[in-house]
């Protein structure tokens, strides 16, 4: 994305990855299981929260919007 390459296959890939990630986070949040965020969790001990959930689904929605705009 930073290189300016906006290919539909890349956006669809982002949509799929972020959707599956969001589903996994939603399951953990609903079960109230303690789980550290994979991105920085091992270094900063960041817990999974609803913010992670919003981020994942937000990025999936933005990818779809970008697909529709190109």
C-alpha atoms as a PDB file:
ATOM      1  CA  UNK A   1       0.000   0.000   0.000  1.00  0.00           C
ATOM      2  CA  UNK A   2       2.841   2.374   0.794  1.00  0.00           C
ATOM      3  CA  UNK A   3       4.341   1.846  -2.659  1.00  0.00           C
ATOM      4  CA  UNK A   4       1.164   3.063  -4.315  1.00  0.00           C
ATOM      5  CA  UNK A   5       0.361  -0.316  -5.850  1.00  0.00           C
ATOM      6  CA  UNK A   6      -3.380  -0.704  -5.505  1.00  0.00           C
ATOM      7  CA  UNK A   7      -4.198  -3.979  -7.224  1.00  0.00           C
ATOM      8  CA  UNK A   8      -7.602  -5.600  -6.759  1.00  0.00           C
ATOM      9  CA  UNK A   9      -6.027  -8.950  -5.801  1.00  0.00           C
ATOM     10  CA  UNK A  10      -4.066  -7.198  -3.052  1.00  0.00           C
ATOM     11  CA  UNK A  11      -7.196  -5.531  -1.686  1.00  0.00           C
ATOM     12  CA  UNK A  12      -9.162  -8.796  -1.771  1.00  0.00           C
ATOM     13  CA  UNK A  13      -6.292 -10.505   0.034  1.00  0.00           C
ATOM     14  CA  UNK A  14      -6.329  -7.803   2.701  1.00  0.00           C
ATOM     15  CA  UNK A  15     -10.090  -8.176   3.046  1.00  0.00           C
ATOM     16  CA  UNK A  16      -9.842 -11.934   3.561  1.00  0.00           C
ATOM     17  CA  UNK A  17      -6.946 -11.776   6.022  1.00  0.00           C
ATOM     18  CA  UNK A  18      -8.473  -9.000   8.117  1.00  0.00           C
ATOM     19  CA  UNK A  19     -11.909 -10.657   8.136  1.00  0.00           C
ATOM     20  CA  UNK A  20     -10.494 -13.966   9.379  1.00  0.00           C
ATOM     21  CA  UNK A  21      -8.365 -12.111  11.917  1.00  0.00           C
ATOM     22  CA  UNK A  22     -11.406 -10.174  13.116  1.00  0.00           C
ATOM     23  CA  UNK A  23     -13.416 -13.366  13.512  1.00  0.00           C
ATOM     24  CA  UNK A  24     -10.616 -14.894  15.591  1.00  0.00           C
ATOM     25  CA  UNK A  25     -10.398 -11.807  17.795  1.00  0.00           C
ATOM     26  CA  UNK A  26     -14.192 -11.730  18.201  1.00  0.00           C
ATOM     27  CA  UNK A  27     -14.203 -15.336  19.381  1.00  0.00           C
ATOM     28  CA  UNK A  28     -11.464 -14.650  21.938  1.00  0.00           C
ATOM     29  CA  UNK A  29     -13.145 -11.457  23.182  1.00  0.00           C
ATOM     30  CA  UNK A  30     -16.541 -13.169  23.527  1.00  0.00           C
ATOM     31  CA  UNK A  31     -14.984 -16.072  25.445  1.00  0.00           C
ATOM     32  CA  UNK A  32     -13.120 -13.546  27.643  1.00  0.00           C
ATOM     33  CA  UNK A  33      -9.943 -15.556  27.228  1.00  0.00           C
ATOM     34  CA  UNK A  34      -6.692 -13.760  28.077  1.00  0.00           C
ATOM     35  CA  UNK A  35      -4.716 -13.503  24.861  1.00  0.00           C
ATOM     36  CA  UNK A  36      -1.874 -11.210  23.896  1.00  0.00           C
ATOM     37  CA  UNK A  37      -1.967  -9.325  20.615  1.00  0.00           C
ATOM     38  CA  UNK A  38       0.349 -11.043  18.156  1.00  0.00           C
ATOM     39  CA  UNK A  39       1.637  -7.823  16.562  1.00  0.00           C
ATOM     40  CA  UNK A  40       3.168  -6.296  19.709  1.00  0.00           C
ATOM     41  CA  UNK A  41       1.881  -8.602  22.427  1.00  0.00           C
ATOM     42  CA  UNK A  42       5.129 -10.415  23.085  1.00  0.00           C
ATOM     43  CA  UNK A  43       7.095  -7.183  23.380  1.00  0.00           C
ATOM     44  CA  UNK A  44       4.651  -4.778  25.026  1.00  0.00           C
ATOM     45  CA  UNK A  45       2.118  -7.230  26.515  1.00  0.00           C
ATOM     46  CA  UNK A  46      -0.805  -5.642  24.659  1.00  0.00           C
ATOM     47  CA  UNK A  47      -4.075  -7.500  25.355  1.00  0.00           C
ATOM     48  CA  UNK A  48      -6.680  -8.198  22.674  1.00  0.00           C
ATOM     49  CA  UNK A  49      -9.576  -5.820  23.096  1.00  0.00           C
ATOM     50  CA  UNK A  50     -12.512  -4.488  21.181  1.00  0.00           C
ATOM     51  CA  UNK A  51     -10.094  -1.929  19.692  1.00  0.00           C
ATOM     52  CA  UNK A  52      -8.311  -4.796  17.923  1.00  0.00           C
ATOM     53  CA  UNK A  53     -11.683  -6.026  16.730  1.00  0.00           C
ATOM     54  CA  UNK A  54     -12.617  -2.602  15.351  1.00  0.00           C
ATOM     55  CA  UNK A  55      -9.229  -2.290  13.675  1.00  0.00           C
ATOM     56  CA  UNK A  56      -9.488  -5.660  11.927  1.00  0.00           C
ATOM     57  CA  UNK A  57     -13.024  -5.199  10.624  1.00  0.00           C
ATOM     58  CA  UNK A  58     -12.350  -1.541   9.823  1.00  0.00           C
ATOM     59  CA  UNK A  59      -9.413  -2.464   7.605  1.00  0.00           C
ATOM     60  CA  UNK A  60     -11.541  -5.149   5.894  1.00  0.00           C
ATOM     61  CA  UNK A  61     -14.271  -2.597   5.169  1.00  0.00           C
ATOM     62  CA  UNK A  62     -11.757  -0.072   3.857  1.00  0.00           C
ATOM     63  CA  UNK A  63     -10.305  -2.687   1.512  1.00  0.00           C
ATOM     64  CA  UNK A  64     -13.770  -3.353   0.059  1.00  0.00           C
ATOM     65  CA  UNK A  65     -14.402   0.367  -0.342  1.00  0.00           C
ATOM     66  CA  UNK A  66     -11.134   0.716  -2.228  1.00  0.00           C
ATOM     67  CA  UNK A  67     -12.055  -2.217  -4.496  1.00  0.00           C
ATOM     68  CA  UNK A  68     -15.329  -0.499  -5.351  1.00  0.00           C
ATOM     69  CA  UNK A  69     -13.559   2.793  -6.103  1.00  0.00           C
ATOM     70  CA  UNK A  70     -11.008   1.420  -8.577  1.00  0.00           C
END
